[in-house]
Each structure stands twice: as C-alpha cells, then as structure tokens.
Amino acid sequence: MTISSAAAGQLGETRQYSTFRVADMFMGIELTRVQELLRFQEMTSVPLAPRAIEGLINLRGQIVTALDVRRILGLPAFESEDALPMNIVIQSEGGPVSLLVDEICDVLDVPLEAAKPLPENMPAAQRELLDGVYQLTTGLLLILNTQRVLESAAH
C-alpha cells in the first residue's frame, strides 16, 4: 500500500523503496540508490569473473557490470520459459552496476514504524546482505544493503 506524502506527514516518517522480487522474497532498495529500471539487456560474459557477475551490458555507450542477485543470495538460478530477469541499475563508487532480479514491482512509501527485526530463521549469508525488514499488510519487505551486495559479489 502506498501512502501519499500528505498522509505520511500525519502518520509518521516514511522511506521510499523501489521494490522487486527474487525467488519468493519481496525486496526493496532505497529509492535514492536507484538510477533506473530496465528490461533484460543482452550481456557479454566475462571469463574468470567472480561467480556473481552475470556479464556486462551496454547502457547507452557505458559498460555496466550485471550482478545476479539470486547467486549472491545463494538461491537457485532464474529459470522461466516466458520471462527474463530485469535490471535495477544502482549507483556505486565505481559507477553504475546492474542488479538482475526476477521482477520489478512498485515504489513504496514505507512507514518507519513498520520496521521489524530480521527473521532468526533466515540463512546467515542472506541476513548479512539485509539492512532491515518491514511488516506490510501483504507480507515482509526485505531491504537489501546494496553496498554489502557489491562487496560480496567481488569475492
């Protein structure tokens, strides 16, 4: 559920997240970190690259590294006959990086008071990549820490 800016001021502080799905997880990245959202782009593979690097895409003349979020989270590969992964291009210190996700969803205004502790039953490797969790009416929104994702992809 999206809360308008006017209502948000009355209810308490909110934060905006660009949301997406990876496997059965509903995730978000702080909107200020997102440069753009793109359909699947043709990629050039990178021999001997770390496992998380799916390839390189050409974004209007700029070469951008594409990271497979499923691999980073230790999940099975994306397999769908009628869909391709989508790109969320984020800013990093070294320039833009694309995160490959299963599906791009909406931008949500999330009330900060909806924050919950990270689930104890989540694998430690996944917990380390998250900044937090919000309880929404539709379920949990897991907030991805893009800096930690980039660091883990380099190994």
Protein backbone atom coordinates (compact mmCIF):
# COMPACT_ATOMS: atom_id res chain seq x y z
CA MET A 1 0.00 0.00 0.00
CA THR A 2 1.38 3.37 -0.97
CA ILE A 3 0.92 6.28 1.42
CA SER A 4 0.68 9.74 -0.07
CA SER A 5 3.16 12.36 1.09
CA ALA A 6 0.48 14.35 2.88
CA ALA A 7 -0.77 11.32 4.78
CA ALA A 8 2.79 10.26 5.54
CA GLY A 9 3.46 13.51 7.38
CA GLN A 10 0.50 12.86 9.64
CA LEU A 11 1.27 9.19 10.29
CA GLY A 12 5.00 9.50 10.90
CA GLU A 13 8.17 9.34 8.90
CA THR A 14 8.36 7.16 5.79
CA ARG A 15 11.12 5.99 3.47
CA GLN A 16 10.73 5.23 -0.24
CA TYR A 17 11.85 1.90 -1.64
CA SER A 18 11.98 0.55 -5.17
CA THR A 19 10.62 -2.99 -4.73
CA PHE A 20 11.25 -6.21 -6.61
CA ARG A 21 11.03 -9.98 -6.33
CA VAL A 22 13.85 -12.51 -6.16
CA ALA A 23 12.52 -16.07 -5.91
CA ASP A 24 9.84 -15.92 -3.17
CA MET A 25 11.36 -12.86 -1.47
CA PHE A 26 9.80 -9.38 -1.73
CA MET A 27 12.73 -6.97 -1.51
CA GLY A 28 13.47 -3.27 -1.70
CA ILE A 29 16.32 -0.83 -2.30
CA GLU A 30 16.22 2.73 -1.03
CA LEU A 31 14.93 4.80 -3.95
CA THR A 32 17.80 7.30 -3.69
CA ARG A 33 20.23 4.47 -4.66
CA VAL A 34 18.35 3.53 -7.86
CA GLN A 35 19.43 5.11 -11.15
CA GLU A 36 16.98 3.33 -13.45
CA LEU A 37 14.95 0.19 -14.09
CA LEU A 38 15.39 -1.74 -17.34
CA ARG A 39 14.07 -4.78 -19.15
CA PHE A 40 16.51 -7.62 -19.76
CA GLN A 41 19.57 -6.47 -21.71
CA GLU A 42 21.85 -8.61 -23.87
CA MET A 43 25.04 -9.41 -21.96
CA THR A 44 28.62 -10.20 -22.73
CA SER A 45 30.08 -12.83 -20.42
CA VAL A 46 33.27 -12.11 -18.51
CA PRO A 47 35.70 -15.06 -18.39
CA LEU A 48 37.15 -15.83 -14.94
CA ALA A 49 34.92 -13.21 -13.26
CA PRO A 50 33.56 -13.83 -9.76
CA ARG A 51 30.52 -16.12 -9.79
CA ALA A 52 28.04 -13.33 -9.01
CA ILE A 53 28.92 -11.41 -12.18
CA GLU A 54 26.49 -12.48 -14.90
CA GLY A 55 28.09 -10.27 -17.54
CA LEU A 56 28.42 -6.77 -18.94
CA ILE A 57 25.66 -4.69 -20.52
CA ASN A 58 25.93 -1.64 -22.75
CA LEU A 59 23.86 1.15 -21.21
CA ARG A 60 23.79 3.92 -23.82
CA GLY A 61 27.51 3.54 -24.50
CA GLN A 62 28.51 2.95 -20.88
CA ILE A 63 29.69 -0.55 -19.88
CA VAL A 64 27.84 -1.72 -16.76
CA THR A 65 28.52 -4.89 -14.73
CA ALA A 66 25.40 -7.05 -14.20
CA LEU A 67 25.25 -8.98 -10.91
CA ASP A 68 22.95 -11.97 -10.37
CA VAL A 69 21.13 -11.27 -7.08
CA ARG A 70 19.98 -14.91 -6.89
CA ARG A 71 23.60 -16.14 -6.88
CA ILE A 72 24.60 -13.52 -4.32
CA LEU A 73 21.77 -14.68 -2.03
CA GLY A 74 22.65 -18.37 -2.57
CA LEU A 75 19.40 -19.14 -4.41
CA PRO A 76 18.81 -21.41 -7.44
CA ALA A 77 19.26 -19.88 -10.90
CA PHE A 78 16.41 -17.95 -12.55
CA GLU A 79 14.52 -20.32 -14.81
CA SER A 80 11.44 -19.22 -16.68
CA GLU A 81 10.37 -20.00 -20.22
CA ASP A 82 8.22 -16.88 -20.57
CA ALA A 83 10.18 -14.28 -18.59
CA LEU A 84 13.69 -12.85 -18.41
CA PRO A 85 15.39 -11.23 -15.41
CA MET A 86 15.09 -7.46 -15.08
CA ASN A 87 17.80 -4.87 -14.36
CA ILE A 88 17.87 -2.44 -11.45
CA VAL A 89 20.74 -0.05 -12.13
CA ILE A 90 22.18 1.39 -8.93
CA GLN A 91 24.98 3.87 -8.29
CA SER A 92 28.19 2.67 -6.70
CA GLU A 93 31.51 4.39 -6.04
CA GLY A 94 32.85 2.90 -9.28
CA GLY A 95 29.84 3.93 -11.37
CA PRO A 96 26.56 2.21 -12.22
CA VAL A 97 26.01 -1.51 -11.53
CA SER A 98 23.02 -3.58 -12.63
CA LEU A 99 21.31 -5.99 -10.24
CA LEU A 100 19.44 -8.80 -12.02
CA VAL A 101 16.13 -9.57 -10.31
CA ASP A 102 13.12 -11.73 -11.21
CA GLU A 103 10.51 -8.98 -11.32
CA ILE A 104 10.37 -5.24 -10.73
CA CYS A 105 7.43 -4.11 -8.60
CA ASP A 106 6.37 -0.67 -7.30
CA VAL A 107 7.89 2.23 -5.42
CA LEU A 108 6.51 2.14 -1.88
CA ASP A 109 6.41 4.74 0.88
CA VAL A 110 7.04 2.59 3.95
CA PRO A 111 6.32 3.90 7.47
CA LEU A 112 9.48 3.62 9.57
CA GLU A 113 7.43 2.30 12.49
CA ALA A 114 6.71 -0.85 10.41
CA ALA A 115 10.36 -1.95 10.92
CA LYS A 116 10.84 -5.41 12.43
CA PRO A 117 13.92 -7.40 13.44
CA LEU A 118 15.47 -9.66 10.79
CA PRO A 119 13.98 -13.18 10.89
CA GLU A 120 16.14 -15.52 13.00
CA ASN A 121 15.44 -18.46 10.67
CA MET A 122 16.96 -16.71 7.64
CA PRO A 123 20.36 -18.07 6.50
CA ALA A 124 23.23 -16.01 7.92
CA ALA A 125 24.65 -15.26 4.45
CA GLN A 126 21.34 -13.66 3.45
CA ARG A 127 20.90 -11.81 6.76
CA GLU A 128 24.29 -10.12 6.27
CA LEU A 129 23.07 -8.58 2.98
CA LEU A 130 19.95 -7.01 4.51
CA ASP A 131 19.52 -3.65 6.22
CA GLY A 132 16.16 -4.46 7.72
CA VAL A 133 12.64 -5.78 7.37
CA TYR A 134 9.29 -4.01 7.26
CA GLN A 135 5.97 -5.67 8.05
CA LEU A 136 3.47 -4.66 5.35
CA THR A 137 -0.15 -5.75 5.05
CA THR A 138 0.91 -8.02 2.16
CA GLY A 139 3.90 -9.60 3.97
CA LEU A 140 7.53 -8.80 4.69
CA LEU A 141 9.63 -6.31 2.72
CA LEU A 142 13.34 -7.22 2.97
CA ILE A 143 15.67 -4.23 2.49
CA LEU A 144 18.78 -5.05 0.50
CA ASN A 145 22.03 -3.34 1.53
CA THR A 146 23.50 -2.53 -1.89
CA GLN A 147 26.97 -1.78 -0.51
CA ARG A 148 27.22 -5.24 1.09
CA VAL A 149 25.84 -6.85 -2.09
CA LEU A 150 28.59 -5.18 -4.14
CA GLU A 151 31.25 -6.24 -1.64
CA SER A 152 30.05 -9.87 -1.58
CA ALA A 153 29.91 -10.00 -5.40
CA ALA A 154 33.60 -9.13 -5.61
CA HIS A 155 34.57 -12.40 -3.86
